Amino acid sequence: CFICIFLLFLSFGSKAQSYYRPEVMNNDTSWIEIGG
């Protein structure tokens, strides 16, 4: 079992993605993530 809490999560554009969600990203999207 794993619970993820982002230390920093910044997103810009239409859709932000977290690294543990494997969905395909849309166009015109940008993101920055830090996690453990």
PDB file of all heavy atoms in Angstrom:
ATOM      1  N   CYS A   1       0.857  -1.186   0.000  1.00  0.00           N
ATOM      2  CA  CYS A   1       0.000   0.000   0.000  1.00  0.00           C
ATOM      3  C   CYS A   1       0.888   1.229   0.000  1.00  0.00           C
ATOM      4  O   CYS A   1       1.874   1.288   0.718  1.00  0.00           O
ATOM      5  CB  CYS A   1      -0.909   0.005   1.226  1.00  0.00           C
ATOM      6  SG  CYS A   1      -2.010   1.427   1.327  1.00  0.00           S
ATOM      7  N   PHE A   2       0.536   2.212  -0.797  1.00  0.00           N
ATOM      8  CA  PHE A   2       1.362   3.403  -0.927  1.00  0.00           C
ATOM      9  C   PHE A   2       0.465   4.616  -0.994  1.00  0.00           C
ATOM     10  O   PHE A   2      -0.483   4.657  -1.765  1.00  0.00           O
ATOM     11  CB  PHE A   2       2.224   3.325  -2.181  1.00  0.00           C
ATOM     12  CG  PHE A   2       3.131   4.506  -2.373  1.00  0.00           C
ATOM     13  CD1 PHE A   2       4.286   4.631  -1.637  1.00  0.00           C
ATOM     14  CD2 PHE A   2       2.814   5.492  -3.289  1.00  0.00           C
ATOM     15  CE1 PHE A   2       5.128   5.706  -1.820  1.00  0.00           C
ATOM     16  CE2 PHE A   2       3.643   6.580  -3.476  1.00  0.00           C
ATOM     17  CZ  PHE A   2       4.798   6.675  -2.738  1.00  0.00           C
ATOM     18  N   ILE A   3       0.735   5.618  -0.160  1.00  0.00           N
ATOM     19  CA  ILE A   3       0.033   6.885  -0.209  1.00  0.00           C
ATOM     20  C   ILE A   3       1.037   7.948  -0.602  1.00  0.00           C
ATOM     21  O   ILE A   3       2.075   8.100   0.026  1.00  0.00           O
ATOM     22  CB  ILE A   3      -0.601   7.235   1.157  1.00  0.00           C
ATOM     23  CG1 ILE A   3      -1.614   6.153   1.559  1.00  0.00           C
ATOM     24  CG2 ILE A   3      -1.278   8.596   1.096  1.00  0.00           C
ATOM     25  CD1 ILE A   3      -2.211   6.389   2.918  1.00  0.00           C
ATOM     26  N   CYS A   4       0.751   8.664  -1.668  1.00  0.00           N
ATOM     27  CA  CYS A   4       1.675   9.660  -2.198  1.00  0.00           C
ATOM     28  C   CYS A   4       1.215  11.049  -1.795  1.00  0.00           C
ATOM     29  O   CYS A   4       0.054  11.403  -1.971  1.00  0.00           O
ATOM     30  CB  CYS A   4       1.753   9.557  -3.714  1.00  0.00           C
ATOM     31  SG  CYS A   4       2.807  10.819  -4.442  1.00  0.00           S
ATOM     32  N   ILE A   5       2.111  11.837  -1.221  1.00  0.00           N
ATOM     33  CA  ILE A   5       1.847  13.231  -0.889  1.00  0.00           C
ATOM     34  C   ILE A   5       2.927  14.059  -1.556  1.00  0.00           C
ATOM     35  O   ILE A   5       4.112  13.870  -1.302  1.00  0.00           O
ATOM     36  CB  ILE A   5       1.862  13.459   0.630  1.00  0.00           C
ATOM     37  CG1 ILE A   5       0.814  12.561   1.309  1.00  0.00           C
ATOM     38  CG2 ILE A   5       1.593  14.928   0.942  1.00  0.00           C
ATOM     39  CD1 ILE A   5       0.857  12.656   2.818  1.00  0.00           C
ATOM     40  N   PHE A   6       2.559  14.974  -2.416  1.00  0.00           N
ATOM     41  CA  PHE A   6       3.530  15.773  -3.133  1.00  0.00           C
ATOM     42  C   PHE A   6       4.118  16.839  -2.206  1.00  0.00           C
ATOM     43  O   PHE A   6       3.400  17.531  -1.499  1.00  0.00           O
ATOM     44  CB  PHE A   6       2.884  16.465  -4.335  1.00  0.00           C
ATOM     45  CG  PHE A   6       2.711  15.552  -5.482  1.00  0.00           C
ATOM     46  CD1 PHE A   6       1.466  15.052  -5.793  1.00  0.00           C
ATOM     47  CD2 PHE A   6       3.806  15.167  -6.235  1.00  0.00           C
ATOM     48  CE1 PHE A   6       1.316  14.186  -6.852  1.00  0.00           C
ATOM     49  CE2 PHE A   6       3.660  14.312  -7.302  1.00  0.00           C
ATOM     50  CZ  PHE A   6       2.412  13.815  -7.603  1.00  0.00           C
ATOM     51  N   LEU A   7       5.447  16.970  -2.251  1.00  0.00           N
ATOM     52  CA  LEU A   7       6.104  18.071  -1.569  1.00  0.00           C
ATOM     53  C   LEU A   7       5.884  19.370  -2.318  1.00  0.00           C
ATOM     54  O   LEU A   7       5.814  20.442  -1.740  1.00  0.00           O
ATOM     55  CB  LEU A   7       7.607  17.766  -1.456  1.00  0.00           C
ATOM     56  CG  LEU A   7       7.967  16.456  -0.739  1.00  0.00           C
ATOM     57  CD1 LEU A   7       9.480  16.271  -0.773  1.00  0.00           C
ATOM     58  CD2 LEU A   7       7.455  16.452   0.676  1.00  0.00           C
ATOM     59  N   LEU A   8       5.848  19.252  -3.638  1.00  0.00           N
ATOM     60  CA  LEU A   8       5.605  20.416  -4.481  1.00  0.00           C
ATOM     61  C   LEU A   8       4.864  19.949  -5.700  1.00  0.00           C
ATOM     62  O   LEU A   8       5.214  18.943  -6.285  1.00  0.00           O
ATOM     63  CB  LEU A   8       6.939  21.050  -4.912  1.00  0.00           C
ATOM     64  CG  LEU A   8       6.857  22.190  -5.939  1.00  0.00           C
ATOM     65  CD1 LEU A   8       6.127  23.384  -5.349  1.00  0.00           C
ATOM     66  CD2 LEU A   8       8.258  22.584  -6.388  1.00  0.00           C
ATOM     67  N   PHE A   9       3.807  20.641  -6.065  1.00  0.00           N
ATOM     68  CA  PHE A   9       3.061  20.265  -7.256  1.00  0.00           C
ATOM     69  C   PHE A   9       2.617  21.536  -7.949  1.00  0.00           C
ATOM     70  O   PHE A   9       1.757  22.240  -7.465  1.00  0.00           O
ATOM     71  CB  PHE A   9       1.850  19.406  -6.877  1.00  0.00           C
ATOM     72  CG  PHE A   9       1.169  18.806  -8.073  1.00  0.00           C
ATOM     73  CD1 PHE A   9       1.529  17.547  -8.517  1.00  0.00           C
ATOM     74  CD2 PHE A   9       0.175  19.498  -8.741  1.00  0.00           C
ATOM     75  CE1 PHE A   9       0.911  16.987  -9.617  1.00  0.00           C
ATOM     76  CE2 PHE A   9      -0.445  18.935  -9.842  1.00  0.00           C
ATOM     77  CZ  PHE A   9      -0.081  17.684 -10.277  1.00  0.00           C
ATOM     78  N   LEU A  10       3.245  21.833  -9.077  1.00  0.00           N
ATOM     79  CA  LEU A  10       2.901  23.007  -9.858  1.00  0.00           C
ATOM     80  C   LEU A  10       2.461  22.552 -11.229  1.00  0.00           C
ATOM     81  O   LEU A  10       3.101  21.710 -11.842  1.00  0.00           O
ATOM     82  CB  LEU A  10       4.126  23.927 -10.008  1.00  0.00           C
ATOM     83  CG  LEU A  10       4.777  24.418  -8.716  1.00  0.00           C
ATOM     84  CD1 LEU A  10       6.028  25.195  -9.056  1.00  0.00           C
ATOM     85  CD2 LEU A  10       3.823  25.262  -7.917  1.00  0.00           C
ATOM     86  N   SER A  11       1.373  23.078 -11.724  1.00  0.00           N
ATOM     87  CA  SER A  11       0.906  22.702 -13.049  1.00  0.00           C
ATOM     88  C   SER A  11       0.448  23.926 -13.809  1.00  0.00           C
ATOM     89  O   SER A  11      -0.030  24.893 -13.231  1.00  0.00           O
ATOM     90  CB  SER A  11      -0.246  21.695 -12.937  1.00  0.00           C
ATOM     91  OG  SER A  11      -1.360  22.287 -12.310  1.00  0.00           O
ATOM     92  N   PHE A  12       0.627  23.857 -15.112  1.00  0.00           N
ATOM     93  CA  PHE A  12       0.233  24.954 -15.982  1.00  0.00           C
ATOM     94  C   PHE A  12      -0.480  24.356 -17.186  1.00  0.00           C
ATOM     95  O   PHE A  12      -0.062  23.332 -17.704  1.00  0.00           O
ATOM     96  CB  PHE A  12       1.461  25.735 -16.454  1.00  0.00           C
ATOM     97  CG  PHE A  12       2.376  26.127 -15.334  1.00  0.00           C
ATOM     98  CD1 PHE A  12       3.424  25.287 -14.966  1.00  0.00           C
ATOM     99  CD2 PHE A  12       2.171  27.297 -14.635  1.00  0.00           C
ATOM    100  CE1 PHE A  12       4.274  25.639 -13.933  1.00  0.00           C
ATOM    101  CE2 PHE A  12       3.025  27.658 -13.606  1.00  0.00           C
ATOM    102  CZ  PHE A  12       4.080  26.824 -13.251  1.00  0.00           C
ATOM    103  N   GLY A  13      -1.527  24.993 -17.655  1.00  0.00           N
ATOM    104  CA  GLY A  13      -2.217  24.503 -18.836  1.00  0.00           C
ATOM    105  C   GLY A  13      -3.478  23.756 -18.486  1.00  0.00           C
ATOM    106  O   GLY A  13      -4.051  23.909 -17.416  1.00  0.00           O
ATOM    107  N   SER A  14      -3.896  22.883 -19.417  1.00  0.00           N
ATOM    108  CA  SER A  14      -5.222  22.296 -19.320  1.00  0.00           C
ATOM    109  C   SER A  14      -5.297  21.113 -18.381  1.00  0.00           C
ATOM    110  O   SER A  14      -6.355  20.818 -17.850  1.00  0.00           O
ATOM    111  CB  SER A  14      -5.677  21.847 -20.708  1.00  0.00           C
ATOM    112  OG  SER A  14      -4.806  20.849 -21.204  1.00  0.00           O
ATOM    113  N   LYS A  15      -4.194  20.388 -18.175  1.00  0.00           N
ATOM    114  CA  LYS A  15      -4.296  19.162 -17.412  1.00  0.00           C
ATOM    115  C   LYS A  15      -2.964  18.828 -16.771  1.00  0.00           C
ATOM    116  O   LYS A  15      -1.955  18.691 -17.437  1.00  0.00           O
ATOM    117  CB  LYS A  15      -4.734  17.997 -18.316  1.00  0.00           C
ATOM    118  CG  LYS A  15      -5.051  16.725 -17.554  1.00  0.00           C
ATOM    119  CD  LYS A  15      -5.616  15.691 -18.492  1.00  0.00           C
ATOM    120  CE  LYS A  15      -6.029  14.437 -17.727  1.00  0.00           C
ATOM    121  NZ  LYS A  15      -6.549  13.407 -18.618  1.00  0.00           N
ATOM    122  N   ALA A  16      -2.953  18.687 -15.465  1.00  0.00           N
ATOM    123  CA  ALA A  16      -1.735  18.294 -14.756  1.00  0.00           C
ATOM    124  C   ALA A  16      -1.748  16.792 -14.551  1.00  0.00           C
ATOM    125  O   ALA A  16      -2.787  16.188 -14.371  1.00  0.00           O
ATOM    126  CB  ALA A  16      -1.666  19.004 -13.405  1.00  0.00           C
ATOM    127  N   GLN A  17      -0.575  16.200 -14.532  1.00  0.00           N
ATOM    128  CA  GLN A  17      -0.465  14.763 -14.393  1.00  0.00           C
ATOM    129  C   GLN A  17       0.424  14.443 -13.209  1.00  0.00           C
ATOM    130  O   GLN A  17       1.476  15.028 -13.037  1.00  0.00           O
ATOM    131  CB  GLN A  17       0.161  14.149 -15.654  1.00  0.00           C
ATOM    132  CG  GLN A  17      -0.649  14.370 -16.903  1.00  0.00           C
ATOM    133  CD  GLN A  17      -1.954  13.638 -16.855  1.00  0.00           C
ATOM    134  OE1 GLN A  17      -2.022  12.525 -16.367  1.00  0.00           O
ATOM    135  NE2 GLN A  17      -2.992  14.246 -17.358  1.00  0.00           N
ATOM    136  N   SER A  18       0.027  13.479 -12.400  1.00  0.00           N
ATOM    137  CA  SER A  18       0.892  12.992 -11.343  1.00  0.00           C
ATOM    138  C   SER A  18       1.642  11.772 -11.845  1.00  0.00           C
ATOM    139  O   SER A  18       1.157  11.034 -12.688  1.00  0.00           O
ATOM    140  CB  SER A  18       0.065  12.618 -10.111  1.00  0.00           C
ATOM    141  OG  SER A  18      -0.921  11.667 -10.445  1.00  0.00           O
ATOM    142  N   TYR A  19       2.844  11.524 -11.314  1.00  0.00           N
ATOM    143  CA  TYR A  19       3.714  10.535 -11.916  1.00  0.00           C
ATOM    144  C   TYR A  19       3.207   9.121 -11.719  1.00  0.00           C
ATOM    145  O   TYR A  19       3.645   8.209 -12.394  1.00  0.00           O
ATOM    146  CB  TYR A  19       5.142  10.652 -11.361  1.00  0.00           C
ATOM    147  CG  TYR A  19       5.309  10.263  -9.925  1.00  0.00           C
ATOM    148  CD1 TYR A  19       5.543   8.946  -9.580  1.00  0.00           C
ATOM    149  CD2 TYR A  19       5.267  11.211  -8.911  1.00  0.00           C
ATOM    150  CE1 TYR A  19       5.714   8.574  -8.265  1.00  0.00           C
ATOM    151  CE2 TYR A  19       5.445  10.851  -7.606  1.00  0.00           C
ATOM    152  CZ  TYR A  19       5.668   9.539  -7.273  1.00  0.00           C
ATOM    153  OH  TYR A  19       5.833   9.192  -5.974  1.00  0.00           O
ATOM    154  N   TYR A  20       2.280   8.915 -10.796  1.00  0.00           N
ATOM    155  CA  TYR A  20       1.806   7.564 -10.576  1.00  0.00           C
ATOM    156  C   TYR A  20       0.507   7.278 -11.308  1.00  0.00           C
ATOM    157  O   TYR A  20      -0.132   6.268 -11.090  1.00  0.00           O
ATOM    158  CB  TYR A  20       1.606   7.295  -9.077  1.00  0.00           C
ATOM    159  CG  TYR A  20       0.697   8.293  -8.381  1.00  0.00           C
ATOM    160  CD1 TYR A  20      -0.679   8.114  -8.375  1.00  0.00           C
ATOM    161  CD2 TYR A  20       1.223   9.402  -7.737  1.00  0.00           C
ATOM    162  CE1 TYR A  20      -1.507   9.023  -7.752  1.00  0.00           C
ATOM    163  CE2 TYR A  20       0.397  10.309  -7.107  1.00  0.00           C
ATOM    164  CZ  TYR A  20      -0.957  10.115  -7.118  1.00  0.00           C
ATOM    165  OH  TYR A  20      -1.771  11.016  -6.497  1.00  0.00           O
ATOM    166  N   ARG A  21       0.080   8.170 -12.194  1.00  0.00           N
ATOM    167  CA  ARG A  21      -1.130   7.946 -12.982  1.00  0.00           C
ATOM    168  C   ARG A  21      -0.728   7.838 -14.452  1.00  0.00           C
ATOM    169  O   ARG A  21      -0.307   8.818 -15.051  1.00  0.00           O
ATOM    170  CB  ARG A  21      -2.136   9.075 -12.776  1.00  0.00           C
ATOM    171  CG  ARG A  21      -2.677   9.140 -11.361  1.00  0.00           C
ATOM    172  CD  ARG A  21      -3.450  10.413 -11.130  1.00  0.00           C
ATOM    173  NE  ARG A  21      -4.637  10.465 -11.963  1.00  0.00           N
ATOM    174  CZ  ARG A  21      -5.355  11.574 -12.099  1.00  0.00           C
ATOM    175  NH1 ARG A  21      -5.003  12.691 -11.505  1.00  0.00           N
ATOM    176  NH2 ARG A  21      -6.432  11.564 -12.861  1.00  0.00           N
ATOM    177  N   PRO A  22      -0.854   6.636 -15.063  1.00  0.00           N
ATOM    178  CA  PRO A  22      -0.261   6.404 -16.383  1.00  0.00           C
ATOM    179  C   PRO A  22      -1.135   6.815 -17.547  1.00  0.00           C
ATOM    180  O   PRO A  22      -1.045   6.248 -18.623  1.00  0.00           O
ATOM    181  CB  PRO A  22      -0.077   4.878 -16.376  1.00  0.00           C
ATOM    182  CG  PRO A  22      -1.218   4.383 -15.562  1.00  0.00           C
ATOM    183  CD  PRO A  22      -1.422   5.426 -14.482  1.00  0.00           C
ATOM    184  N   GLU A  23      -2.009   7.805 -17.393  1.00  0.00           N
ATOM    185  CA  GLU A  23      -2.836   8.181 -18.519  1.00  0.00           C
ATOM    186  C   GLU A  23      -2.049   9.008 -19.520  1.00  0.00           C
ATOM    187  O   GLU A  23      -1.046   9.630 -19.211  1.00  0.00           O
ATOM    188  CB  GLU A  23      -4.071   8.953 -18.047  1.00  0.00           C
ATOM    189  CG  GLU A  23      -3.720  10.177 -17.228  1.00  0.00           C
ATOM    190  CD  GLU A  23      -4.625  10.325 -16.028  1.00  0.00           C
ATOM    191  OE1 GLU A  23      -4.985   9.312 -15.443  1.00  0.00           O
ATOM    192  OE2 GLU A  23      -4.950  11.474 -15.689  1.00  0.00           O
ATOM    193  N   VAL A  24      -2.520   8.981 -20.751  1.00  0.00           N
ATOM    194  CA  VAL A  24      -1.853   9.714 -21.815  1.00  0.00           C
ATOM    195  C   VAL A  24      -2.199  11.195 -21.706  1.00  0.00           C
ATOM    196  O   VAL A  24      -3.341  11.568 -21.500  1.00  0.00           O
ATOM    197  CB  VAL A  24      -2.288   9.170 -23.192  1.00  0.00           C
ATOM    198  CG1 VAL A  24      -1.634   9.953 -24.308  1.00  0.00           C
ATOM    199  CG2 VAL A  24      -1.936   7.693 -23.305  1.00  0.00           C
ATOM    200  N   MET A  25      -1.200  12.040 -21.831  1.00  0.00           N
ATOM    201  CA  MET A  25      -1.402  13.461 -21.631  1.00  0.00           C
ATOM    202  C   MET A  25      -1.918  14.160 -22.875  1.00  0.00           C
ATOM    203  O   MET A  25      -1.610  13.767 -23.987  1.00  0.00           O
ATOM    204  CB  MET A  25      -0.094  14.101 -21.169  1.00  0.00           C
ATOM    205  CG  MET A  25       0.231  13.770 -19.730  1.00  0.00           C
ATOM    206  SD  MET A  25       1.903  14.236 -19.295  1.00  0.00           S
ATOM    207  CE  MET A  25       2.813  12.932 -20.086  1.00  0.00           C
ATOM    208  N   ASN A  26      -2.707  15.199 -22.670  1.00  0.00           N
ATOM    209  CA  ASN A  26      -3.228  15.990 -23.771  1.00  0.00           C
ATOM    210  C   ASN A  26      -2.157  16.943 -24.289  1.00  0.00           C
ATOM    211  O   ASN A  26      -1.133  17.175 -23.665  1.00  0.00           O
ATOM    212  CB  ASN A  26      -4.450  16.786 -23.322  1.00  0.00           C
ATOM    213  CG  ASN A  26      -5.608  15.884 -22.940  1.00  0.00           C
ATOM    214  OD1 ASN A  26      -5.793  14.829 -23.521  1.00  0.00           O
ATOM    215  ND2 ASN A  26      -6.380  16.298 -21.952  1.00  0.00           N
ATOM    216  N   ASN A  27      -2.461  17.545 -25.439  1.00  0.00           N
ATOM    217  CA  ASN A  27      -1.580  18.574 -25.956  1.00  0.00           C
ATOM    218  C   ASN A  27      -1.779  19.872 -25.192  1.00  0.00           C
ATOM    219  O   ASN A  27      -2.746  20.052 -24.450  1.00  0.00           O
ATOM    220  CB  ASN A  27      -1.851  18.780 -27.446  1.00  0.00           C
ATOM    221  CG  ASN A  27      -1.469  17.563 -28.275  1.00  0.00           C
ATOM    222  OD1 ASN A  27      -0.357  17.065 -28.178  1.00  0.00           O
ATOM    223  ND2 ASN A  27      -2.394  17.082 -29.087  1.00  0.00           N
ATOM    224  N   ASP A  28      -0.844  20.838 -25.394  1.00  0.00           N
ATOM    225  CA  ASP A  28      -0.886  22.129 -24.709  1.00  0.00           C
ATOM    226  C   ASP A  28      -0.951  21.950 -23.192  1.00  0.00           C
ATOM    227  O   ASP A  28      -1.842  22.451 -22.509  1.00  0.00           O
ATOM    228  CB  ASP A  28      -2.081  22.962 -25.201  1.00  0.00           C
ATOM    229  CG  ASP A  28      -1.932  23.338 -26.661  1.00  0.00           C
ATOM    230  OD1 ASP A  28      -0.800  23.610 -27.087  1.00  0.00           O
ATOM    231  OD2 ASP A  28      -2.942  23.343 -27.375  1.00  0.00           O
ATOM    232  N   THR A  29      -0.006  21.223 -22.678  1.00  0.00           N
ATOM    233  CA  THR A  29       0.084  20.921 -21.258  1.00  0.00           C
ATOM    234  C   THR A  29       1.528  21.077 -20.809  1.00  0.00           C
ATOM    235  O   THR A  29       2.456  20.758 -21.547  1.00  0.00           O
ATOM    236  CB  THR A  29      -0.363  19.473 -20.978  1.00  0.00           C
ATOM    237  OG1 THR A  29      -1.669  19.270 -21.482  1.00  0.00           O
ATOM    238  CG2 THR A  29      -0.364  19.175 -19.487  1.00  0.00           C
ATOM    239  N   SER A  30       1.731  21.574 -19.602  1.00  0.00           N
ATOM    240  CA  SER A  30       3.065  21.603 -19.009  1.00  0.00           C
ATOM    241  C   SER A  30       2.943  21.318 -17.527  1.00  0.00           C
ATOM    242  O   SER A  30       1.892  21.548 -16.915  1.00  0.00           O
ATOM    243  CB  SER A  30       3.748  22.960 -19.237  1.00  0.00           C
ATOM    244  OG  SER A  30       2.960  24.013 -18.725  1.00  0.00           O
ATOM    245  N   TRP A  31       3.999  20.800 -16.935  1.00  0.00           N
ATOM    246  CA  TRP A  31       3.912  20.376 -15.543  1.00  0.00           C
ATOM    247  C   TRP A  31       5.298  20.304 -14.916  1.00  0.00           C
ATOM    248  O   TRP A  31       6.302  20.107 -15.584  1.00  0.00           O
ATOM    249  CB  TRP A  31       3.215  19.010 -15.434  1.00  0.00           C
ATOM    250  CG  TRP A  31       3.963  17.892 -16.070  1.00  0.00           C
ATOM    251  CD1 TRP A  31       4.787  16.993 -15.474  1.00  0.00           C
ATOM    252  CD2 TRP A  31       3.951  17.551 -17.462  1.00  0.00           C
ATOM    253  NE1 TRP A  31       5.300  16.121 -16.397  1.00  0.00           N
ATOM    254  CE2 TRP A  31       4.795  16.432 -17.623  1.00  0.00           C
ATOM    255  CE3 TRP A  31       3.310  18.077 -18.588  1.00  0.00           C
ATOM    256  CZ2 TRP A  31       5.019  15.852 -18.852  1.00  0.00           C
ATOM    257  CZ3 TRP A  31       3.536  17.491 -19.819  1.00  0.00           C
ATOM    258  CH2 TRP A  31       4.373  16.387 -19.943  1.00  0.00           C
ATOM    259  N   ILE A  32       5.321  20.470 -13.594  1.00  0.00           N
ATOM    260  CA  ILE A  32       6.516  20.277 -12.772  1.00  0.00           C
ATOM    261  C   ILE A  32       6.073  19.523 -11.527  1.00  0.00           C
ATOM    262  O   ILE A  32       5.050  19.869 -10.923  1.00  0.00           O
ATOM    263  CB  ILE A  32       7.171  21.603 -12.360  1.00  0.00           C
ATOM    264  CG1 ILE A  32       7.591  22.414 -13.587  1.00  0.00           C
ATOM    265  CG2 ILE A  32       8.391  21.350 -11.462  1.00  0.00           C
ATOM    266  CD1 ILE A  32       8.110  23.802 -13.243  1.00  0.00           C
ATOM    267  N   GLU A  33       6.831  18.496 -11.145  1.00  0.00           N
ATOM    268  CA  GLU A  33       6.446  17.684  -9.996  1.00  0.00           C
ATOM    269  C   GLU A  33       7.666  17.310  -9.161  1.00  0.00           C
ATOM    270  O   GLU A  33       8.753  17.080  -9.709  1.00  0.00           O
ATOM    271  CB  GLU A  33       5.750  16.399 -10.449  1.00  0.00           C
ATOM    272  CG  GLU A  33       4.498  16.630 -11.265  1.00  0.00           C
ATOM    273  CD  GLU A  33       3.982  15.362 -11.914  1.00  0.00           C
ATOM    274  OE1 GLU A  33       4.597  14.299 -11.725  1.00  0.00           O
ATOM    275  OE2 GLU A  33       2.964  15.440 -12.615  1.00  0.00           O
ATOM    276  N   ILE A  34       7.468  17.238  -7.874  1.00  0.00           N
ATOM    277  CA  ILE A  34       8.457  16.677  -6.962  1.00  0.00           C
ATOM    278  C   ILE A  34       7.717  15.716  -6.052  1.00  0.00           C
ATOM    279  O   ILE A  34       6.631  16.034  -5.557  1.00  0.00           O
ATOM    280  CB  ILE A  34       9.165  17.755  -6.124  1.00  0.00           C
ATOM    281  CG1 ILE A  34       9.961  18.692  -7.019  1.00  0.00           C
ATOM    282  CG2 ILE A  34      10.089  17.114  -5.088  1.00  0.00           C
ATOM    283  CD1 ILE A  34      10.661  19.800  -6.265  1.00  0.00           C
ATOM    284  N   GLY A  35       8.252  14.519  -5.855  1.00  0.00           N
ATOM    285  CA  GLY A  35       7.577  13.537  -5.020  1.00  0.00           C
ATOM    286  C   GLY A  35       8.542  12.556  -4.413  1.00  0.00           C
ATOM    287  O   GLY A  35       9.757  12.618  -4.641  1.00  0.00           O
ATOM    288  N   GLY A  36       8.007  11.649  -3.629  1.00  0.00           N
ATOM    289  CA  GLY A  36       8.806  10.614  -3.000  1.00  0.00           C
ATOM    290  C   GLY A  36       8.140   9.268  -3.185  1.00  0.00           C
ATOM    291  O   GLY A  36       6.939   9.173  -3.420  1.00  0.00           O
TER     292      GLY A  36
END
